[in-house]
C-alpha atoms as a PDB file:
ATOM      1  CA  MET A   1      -2.541-198.635  12.672  1.00  0.00           C
ATOM      2  CA  ILE A   2      -5.450-199.927  14.762  1.00  0.00           C
ATOM      3  CA  SER A   3      -7.298-201.217  11.696  1.00  0.00           C
ATOM      4  CA  LYS A   4      -4.346-203.525  11.003  1.00  0.00           C
ATOM      5  CA  LEU A   5      -4.256-205.104  14.454  1.00  0.00           C
ATOM      6  CA  PRO A   6      -5.736-208.582  15.026  1.00  0.00           C
ATOM      7  CA  ARG A   7      -8.989-208.751  16.951  1.00  0.00           C
ATOM      8  CA  TRP A   8      -7.455-210.425  20.001  1.00  0.00           C
ATOM      9  CA  VAL A   9      -5.540-207.225  20.746  1.00  0.00           C
ATOM     10  CA  GLU A  10      -8.813-205.500  21.653  1.00  0.00           C
ATOM     11  CA  TYR A  11      -9.679-208.179  24.191  1.00  0.00           C
ATOM     12  CA  GLY A  12      -6.170-208.073  25.613  1.00  0.00           C
ATOM     13  CA  ALA A  13      -6.320-204.285  25.875  1.00  0.00           C
ATOM     14  CA  PHE A  14      -9.592-204.532  27.826  1.00  0.00           C
ATOM     15  CA  VAL A  15      -8.054-206.976  30.304  1.00  0.00           C
ATOM     16  CA  LEU A  16      -4.918-204.848  30.684  1.00  0.00           C
ATOM     17  CA  ALA A  17      -7.035-201.755  31.351  1.00  0.00           C
ATOM     18  CA  LEU A  18      -9.033-203.727  33.913  1.00  0.00           C
ATOM     19  CA  ILE A  19      -5.784-204.780  35.607  1.00  0.00           C
ATOM     20  CA  ALA A  20      -4.563-201.178  35.732  1.00  0.00           C
ATOM     21  CA  GLY A  21      -7.890-199.905  37.033  1.00  0.00           C
ATOM     22  CA  SER A  22      -7.915-202.402  39.881  1.00  0.00           C
ATOM     23  CA  VAL A  23      -4.290-201.652  40.819  1.00  0.00           C
ATOM     24  CA  ASN A  24      -5.034-197.925  40.788  1.00  0.00           C
ATOM     25  CA  ALA A  25      -8.068-198.447  43.013  1.00  0.00           C
ATOM     26  CA  VAL A  26      -5.853-200.185  45.573  1.00  0.00           C
ATOM     27  CA  GLY A  27      -3.411-197.299  45.309  1.00  0.00           C
ATOM     28  CA  LEU A  28      -6.052-194.658  45.870  1.00  0.00           C
ATOM     29  CA  LEU A  29      -7.611-196.535  48.774  1.00  0.00           C
ATOM     30  CA  GLY A  30      -4.490-197.903  50.424  1.00  0.00           C
ATOM     31  CA  PHE A  31      -1.345-196.015  49.349  1.00  0.00           C
ATOM     32  CA  THR A  32      -2.248-192.881  51.340  1.00  0.00           C
ATOM     33  CA  HIS A  33      -4.644-192.045  48.482  1.00  0.00           C
ATOM     34  CA  GLN A  34      -1.781-192.201  45.976  1.00  0.00           C
ATOM     35  CA  ALA A  35      -2.524-192.961  42.323  1.00  0.00           C
ATOM     36  CA  ILE A  36      -0.184-195.653  41.087  1.00  0.00           C
ATOM     37  CA  SER A  37      -1.093-196.462  37.482  1.00  0.00           C
ATOM     38  CA  HIS A  38      -0.268-192.987  36.159  1.00  0.00           C
ATOM     39  CA  LEU A  39       2.127-190.228  37.172  1.00  0.00           C
ATOM     40  CA  SER A  40       0.381-186.886  36.616  1.00  0.00           C
ATOM     41  CA  GLY A  41      -0.807-186.584  40.208  1.00  0.00           C
ATOM     42  CA  SER A  42       2.443-187.959  41.605  1.00  0.00           C
ATOM     43  CA  ALA A  43       4.517-185.479  39.596  1.00  0.00           C
ATOM     44  CA  THR A  44       2.344-182.636  40.882  1.00  0.00           C
ATOM     45  CA  LEU A  45       2.752-183.872  44.444  1.00  0.00           C
ATOM     46  CA  VAL A  46       6.541-183.872  44.006  1.00  0.00           C
ATOM     47  CA  GLY A  47       6.426-180.172  43.223  1.00  0.00           C
ATOM     48  CA  ALA A  48       4.057-179.425  46.095  1.00  0.00           C
ATOM     49  CA  SER A  49       6.067-181.500  48.563  1.00  0.00           C
ATOM     50  CA  LEU A  50       9.199-179.446  47.874  1.00  0.00           C
ATOM     51  CA  LEU A  51       7.485-176.526  49.590  1.00  0.00           C
ATOM     52  CA  ASN A  52       5.539-177.993  52.477  1.00  0.00           C
ATOM     53  CA  ALA A  53       6.535-181.599  53.191  1.00  0.00           C
ATOM     54  CA  PRO A  54       9.489-183.444  54.736  1.00  0.00           C
ATOM     55  CA  ILE A  55      12.260-184.394  52.345  1.00  0.00           C
ATOM     56  CA  SER A  56      11.475-188.064  53.008  1.00  0.00           C
ATOM     57  CA  ASP A  57       8.013-187.593  51.461  1.00  0.00           C
ATOM     58  CA  THR A  58       9.520-185.964  48.394  1.00  0.00           C
ATOM     59  CA  LEU A  59      12.055-188.761  47.978  1.00  0.00           C
ATOM     60  CA  HIS A  60       9.278-191.343  48.297  1.00  0.00           C
ATOM     61  CA  LEU A  61       7.293-189.686  45.496  1.00  0.00           C
ATOM     62  CA  VAL A  62      10.378-189.413  43.314  1.00  0.00           C
ATOM     63  CA  ALA A  63      11.036-193.115  43.882  1.00  0.00           C
ATOM     64  CA  ILE A  64       7.508-193.892  42.668  1.00  0.00           C
ATOM     65  CA  LEU A  65       8.153-191.913  39.487  1.00  0.00           C
ATOM     66  CA  LEU A  66      11.507-193.596  38.898  1.00  0.00           C
ATOM     67  CA  SER A  67       9.992-197.029  39.530  1.00  0.00           C
ATOM     68  CA  PHE A  68       7.435-196.418  36.789  1.00  0.00           C
ATOM     69  CA  VAL A  69      10.228-195.388  34.425  1.00  0.00           C
ATOM     70  CA  PHE A  70      12.252-198.451  35.410  1.00  0.00           C
ATOM     71  CA  GLY A  71       9.317-200.735  34.621  1.00  0.00           C
ATOM     72  CA  ALA A  72       8.845-199.070  31.234  1.00  0.00           C
ATOM     73  CA  ALA A  73      12.572-199.345  30.527  1.00  0.00           C
ATOM     74  CA  PHE A  74      12.536-203.047  31.395  1.00  0.00           C
ATOM     75  CA  SER A  75       9.702-203.569  28.933  1.00  0.00           C
ATOM     76  CA  GLY A  76      11.410-201.447  26.296  1.00  0.00           C
ATOM     77  CA  PHE A  77      14.597-203.492  26.571  1.00  0.00           C
ATOM     78  CA  PHE A  78      12.799-206.659  25.481  1.00  0.00           C
ATOM     79  CA  LEU A  79      10.409-205.079  22.983  1.00  0.00           C
ATOM     80  CA  ARG A  80      12.642-203.479  20.382  1.00  0.00           C
ATOM     81  CA  SER A  81       9.978-202.988  17.742  1.00  0.00           C
ATOM     82  CA  ARG A  82       6.894-200.789  17.910  1.00  0.00           C
ATOM     83  CA  THR A  83       4.924-203.170  15.703  1.00  0.00           C
ATOM     84  CA  LEU A  84       2.995-206.236  16.784  1.00  0.00           C
ATOM     85  CA  LYS A  85       5.118-209.362  16.459  1.00  0.00           C
ATOM     86  CA  LEU A  86       4.172-212.716  17.923  1.00  0.00           C
ATOM     87  CA  SER A  87       7.809-213.604  18.497  1.00  0.00           C
ATOM     88  CA  ARG A  88       8.207-210.835  21.059  1.00  0.00           C
ATOM     89  CA  HIS A  89       8.248-211.349  24.806  1.00  0.00           C
ATOM     90  CA  TYR A  90       4.759-210.235  25.807  1.00  0.00           C
ATOM     91  CA  ASP A  91       4.044-213.370  27.816  1.00  0.00           C
ATOM     92  CA  PHE A  92       7.331-213.097  29.730  1.00  0.00           C
ATOM     93  CA  LEU A  93       6.691-209.436  30.564  1.00  0.00           C
ATOM     94  CA  LEU A  94       3.163-210.189  31.759  1.00  0.00           C
ATOM     95  CA  VAL A  95       4.573-212.829  34.101  1.00  0.00           C
ATOM     96  CA  VAL A  96       7.094-210.299  35.420  1.00  0.00           C
ATOM     97  CA  GLU A  97       4.259-207.830  35.989  1.00  0.00           C
ATOM     98  CA  GLY A  98       2.336-210.441  37.948  1.00  0.00           C
ATOM     99  CA  ILE A  99       5.402-211.211  40.065  1.00  0.00           C
ATOM    100  CA  LEU A 100       5.884-207.499  40.815  1.00  0.00           C
ATOM    101  CA  LEU A 101       2.275-207.264  41.989  1.00  0.00           C
ATOM    102  CA  LEU A 102       2.723-210.316  44.207  1.00  0.00           C
ATOM    103  CA  ALA A 103       5.844-208.715  45.673  1.00  0.00           C
ATOM    104  CA  SER A 104       3.786-205.583  46.350  1.00  0.00           C
ATOM    105  CA  ILE A 105       1.325-207.586  48.435  1.00  0.00           C
ATOM    106  CA  TRP A 106       4.073-208.971  50.648  1.00  0.00           C
ATOM    107  CA  LEU A 107       5.779-205.595  51.059  1.00  0.00           C
ATOM    108  CA  LEU A 108       2.617-203.593  51.670  1.00  0.00           C
ATOM    109  CA  ASN A 109       1.245-206.056  54.195  1.00  0.00           C
ATOM    110  CA  ASP A 110       4.514-205.553  56.091  1.00  0.00           C
ATOM    111  CA  ASN A 111       3.983-201.788  55.842  1.00  0.00           C
ATOM    112  CA  LEU A 112       7.068-201.346  53.657  1.00  0.00           C
ATOM    113  CA  PRO A 113       6.991-198.411  51.186  1.00  0.00           C
ATOM    114  CA  ALA A 114       8.897-200.518  48.654  1.00  0.00           C
ATOM    115  CA  GLY A 115       5.523-202.076  47.853  1.00  0.00           C
ATOM    116  CA  HIS A 116       4.539-198.778  46.231  1.00  0.00           C
ATOM    117  CA  TYR A 117       7.623-198.957  44.030  1.00  0.00           C
ATOM    118  CA  THR A 118       7.052-202.505  42.803  1.00  0.00           C
ATOM    119  CA  ALA A 119       3.410-201.697  42.002  1.00  0.00           C
ATOM    120  CA  SER A 120       4.473-198.568  40.113  1.00  0.00           C
ATOM    121  CA  ALA A 121       7.106-200.551  38.213  1.00  0.00           C
ATOM    122  CA  ALA A 122       4.441-203.093  37.253  1.00  0.00           C
ATOM    123  CA  CYS A 123       2.255-200.316  35.831  1.00  0.00           C
ATOM    124  CA  GLY A 124       5.169-198.772  33.942  1.00  0.00           C
ATOM    125  CA  LEU A 125       6.029-202.149  32.458  1.00  0.00           C
ATOM    126  CA  GLN A 126       2.425-202.687  31.381  1.00  0.00           C
ATOM    127  CA  ASN A 127       2.006-199.250  29.857  1.00  0.00           C
ATOM    128  CA  ALA A 128       5.167-199.650  27.791  1.00  0.00           C
ATOM    129  CA  LEU A 129       4.016-203.110  26.730  1.00  0.00           C
ATOM    130  CA  ALA A 130       0.693-201.804  25.466  1.00  0.00           C
ATOM    131  CA  THR A 131       2.288-198.803  23.772  1.00  0.00           C
ATOM    132  CA  THR A 132       4.703-201.050  21.909  1.00  0.00           C
ATOM    133  CA  TYR A 133       2.235-203.570  20.551  1.00  0.00           C
ATOM    134  CA  SER A 134      -0.167-200.876  19.378  1.00  0.00           C
ATOM    135  CA  GLY A 135       2.310-198.581  17.670  1.00  0.00           C
ATOM    136  CA  ALA A 136       2.159-195.913  20.408  1.00  0.00           C
ATOM    137  CA  ILE A 137      -1.620-195.536  20.199  1.00  0.00           C
ATOM    138  CA  ILE A 138      -2.947-197.374  23.238  1.00  0.00           C
ATOM    139  CA  ARG A 139      -2.364-196.535  26.877  1.00  0.00           C
ATOM    140  CA  THR A 140      -3.872-199.005  29.327  1.00  0.00           C
ATOM    141  CA  THR A 141      -2.817-197.546  32.681  1.00  0.00           C
ATOM    142  CA  HIS A 142      -4.339-194.082  32.304  1.00  0.00           C
ATOM    143  CA  MET A 143      -7.304-192.751  30.362  1.00  0.00           C
ATOM    144  CA  THR A 144      -6.500-189.070  29.724  1.00  0.00           C
ATOM    145  CA  GLY A 145      -5.114-189.672  26.245  1.00  0.00           C
ATOM    146  CA  ILE A 146      -7.921-192.095  25.420  1.00  0.00           C
ATOM    147  CA  PHE A 147     -10.624-189.570  26.332  1.00  0.00           C
ATOM    148  CA  THR A 148      -8.725-186.854  24.432  1.00  0.00           C
ATOM    149  CA  ASP A 149      -8.413-188.946  21.271  1.00  0.00           C
ATOM    150  CA  LEU A 150     -12.057-189.947  21.479  1.00  0.00           C
ATOM    151  CA  GLY A 151     -13.043-186.290  21.797  1.00  0.00           C
ATOM    152  CA  ILE A 152     -10.889-185.370  18.790  1.00  0.00           C
ATOM    153  CA  MET A 153     -12.587-188.089  16.771  1.00  0.00           C
ATOM    154  CA  LEU A 154     -16.040-186.823  17.733  1.00  0.00           C
ATOM    155  CA  GLY A 155     -15.049-183.257  16.821  1.00  0.00           C
ATOM    156  CA  ALA A 156     -13.772-184.415  13.450  1.00  0.00           C
ATOM    157  CA  ARG A 157     -17.007-186.297  12.876  1.00  0.00           C
ATOM    158  CA  LEU A 158     -18.960-183.082  13.472  1.00  0.00           C
ATOM    159  CA  ARG A 159     -16.938-181.631  10.583  1.00  0.00           C
ATOM    160  CA  HIS A 160     -18.283-184.566   8.530  1.00  0.00           C
ATOM    161  CA  GLU A 161     -14.935-186.353   8.414  1.00  0.00           C
ATOM    162  CA  ALA A 162     -14.760-190.151   8.358  1.00  0.00           C
ATOM    163  CA  PHE A 163     -15.261-191.823  11.738  1.00  0.00           C
ATOM    164  CA  ASP A 164     -13.149-194.885  12.585  1.00  0.00           C
ATOM    165  CA  ASN A 165     -15.664-197.164  14.273  1.00  0.00           C
ATOM    166  CA  ARG A 166     -13.121-199.796  15.255  1.00  0.00           C
ATOM    167  CA  LYS A 167     -10.846-197.221  16.840  1.00  0.00           C
ATOM    168  CA  ALA A 168     -13.785-195.811  18.807  1.00  0.00           C
ATOM    169  CA  ILE A 169     -14.792-199.294  19.968  1.00  0.00           C
ATOM    170  CA  LEU A 170     -11.225-199.952  21.129  1.00  0.00           C
ATOM    171  CA  PHE A 171     -11.205-196.708  23.111  1.00  0.00           C
ATOM    172  CA  LEU A 172     -14.564-197.538  24.701  1.00  0.00           C
ATOM    173  CA  LEU A 173     -13.279-201.002  25.621  1.00  0.00           C
ATOM    174  CA  LEU A 174     -10.273-199.420  27.319  1.00  0.00           C
ATOM    175  CA  ILE A 175     -12.418-196.935  29.230  1.00  0.00           C
ATOM    176  CA  SER A 176     -14.933-199.564  30.307  1.00  0.00           C
ATOM    177  CA  GLY A 177     -12.097-201.925  31.299  1.00  0.00           C
ATOM    178  CA  PHE A 178     -10.379-199.303  33.440  1.00  0.00           C
ATOM    179  CA  ILE A 179     -13.607-198.279  35.171  1.00  0.00           C
ATOM    180  CA  SER A 180     -14.617-201.908  35.705  1.00  0.00           C
ATOM    181  CA  GLY A 181     -11.204-202.558  37.211  1.00  0.00           C
ATOM    182  CA  GLY A 182     -11.712-199.643  39.575  1.00  0.00           C
ATOM    183  CA  VAL A 183     -15.042-201.041  40.733  1.00  0.00           C
ATOM    184  CA  PHE A 184     -13.578-204.532  41.051  1.00  0.00           C
ATOM    185  CA  GLY A 185     -10.510-203.329  42.943  1.00  0.00           C
ATOM    186  CA  ALA A 186     -12.447-201.074  45.292  1.00  0.00           C
ATOM    187  CA  TYR A 187     -14.910-203.847  46.156  1.00  0.00           C
ATOM    188  CA  LEU A 188     -12.191-206.388  46.856  1.00  0.00           C
ATOM    189  CA  PHE A 189     -10.129-203.903  48.855  1.00  0.00           C
ATOM    190  CA  THR A 190     -12.920-203.561  51.430  1.00  0.00           C
ATOM    191  CA  HIS A 191     -12.650-207.302  52.060  1.00  0.00           C
ATOM    192  CA  LEU A 192      -9.044-208.197  51.280  1.00  0.00           C
ATOM    193  CA  GLY A 193      -6.980-205.049  51.725  1.00  0.00           C
ATOM    194  CA  PHE A 194      -3.680-205.212  49.851  1.00  0.00           C
ATOM    195  CA  ASN A 195      -4.327-208.876  49.051  1.00  0.00           C
ATOM    196  CA  THR A 196      -6.653-207.473  46.376  1.00  0.00           C
ATOM    197  CA  LEU A 197      -3.567-207.307  44.158  1.00  0.00           C
ATOM    198  CA  LEU A 198      -3.771-211.095  43.906  1.00  0.00           C
ATOM    199  CA  ALA A 199      -6.574-210.604  41.377  1.00  0.00           C
ATOM    200  CA  PRO A 200      -4.703-208.430  38.849  1.00  0.00           C
ATOM    201  CA  ALA A 201      -1.582-210.577  39.325  1.00  0.00           C
ATOM    202  CA  PHE A 202      -3.636-213.687  38.496  1.00  0.00           C
ATOM    203  CA  LEU A 203      -5.049-211.950  35.403  1.00  0.00           C
ATOM    204  CA  CYS A 204      -1.504-211.172  34.259  1.00  0.00           C
ATOM    205  CA  PHE A 205      -0.589-214.852  34.498  1.00  0.00           C
ATOM    206  CA  VAL A 206      -3.762-215.941  32.688  1.00  0.00           C
ATOM    207  CA  LEU A 207      -3.232-213.398  29.920  1.00  0.00           C
ATOM    208  CA  ALA A 208       0.384-214.563  29.532  1.00  0.00           C
ATOM    209  CA  LEU A 209      -0.775-218.172  29.266  1.00  0.00           C
ATOM    210  CA  PHE A 210      -3.387-217.394  26.619  1.00  0.00           C
ATOM    211  CA  TYR A 211      -0.881-215.363  24.659  1.00  0.00           C
ATOM    212  CA  ARG A 212       1.666-218.185  24.757  1.00  0.00           C
ATOM    213  CA  ILE A 213      -0.956-220.686  23.565  1.00  0.00           C
ATOM    214  CA  TYR A 214      -2.046-218.367  20.769  1.00  0.00           C
ATOM    215  CA  ARG A 215       1.552-217.673  19.691  1.00  0.00           C
ATOM    216  CA  ASN A 216       2.417-221.374  19.568  1.00  0.00           C
ATOM    217  CA  LYS A 217      -0.741-222.068  17.581  1.00  0.00           C
ATOM    218  CA  MET A 218       0.156-219.395  15.030  1.00  0.00           C
ATOM    219  CA  LYS A 219       3.730-220.723  14.765  1.00  0.00           C
ATOM    220  CA  ARG A 220       2.437-224.214  13.943  1.00  0.00           C
ATOM    221  CA  ARG A 221       0.297-222.756  11.163  1.00  0.00           C
ATOM    222  CA  HIS A 222       3.385-221.292   9.560  1.00  0.00           C
END
């Protein structure tokens, strides 16, 4: 599937991973050390909180999980195909993601927990977006599957099986994008606090603009 994707998808995936990494850095540093771009830790905390935390804490964590699902559902409603199609609403969804991140800034600066939910919804929307355009291969908001797939590929190579160089490059771009986003987000957070989310929101808008330009250009060619 990856070998059939256009080259621009790799660059877009890097930027999306960078966005997710920076949002997650803000979550870890500012949301009471709560990861926001993926749900493994949050789901574990839900279970732990049932035993030794107030019910309000449990409900807050559940709301974060549901917000992620809501964001993914919103994306899934507009993207009805799991194949890459320029006519789909990627630019619109990226704008919505940026708006959700801007809403998070306002809410978090007012110390409102709803800011966690809008940020989680933004990450869910993005992860579903990336999954859809890559045929359920790429995840841009968490790296566990990427590292696992890369390890499987290396193991297969040791058995002298064919090694997909382009797939490996894509995975390395995703990993480097996510880590770079973490560095970027952590650095900005020390200076800007929750306003750091302005940066990933801006990148969402820029990516949407470039996608719209590219889509219109391809339509004119046909």
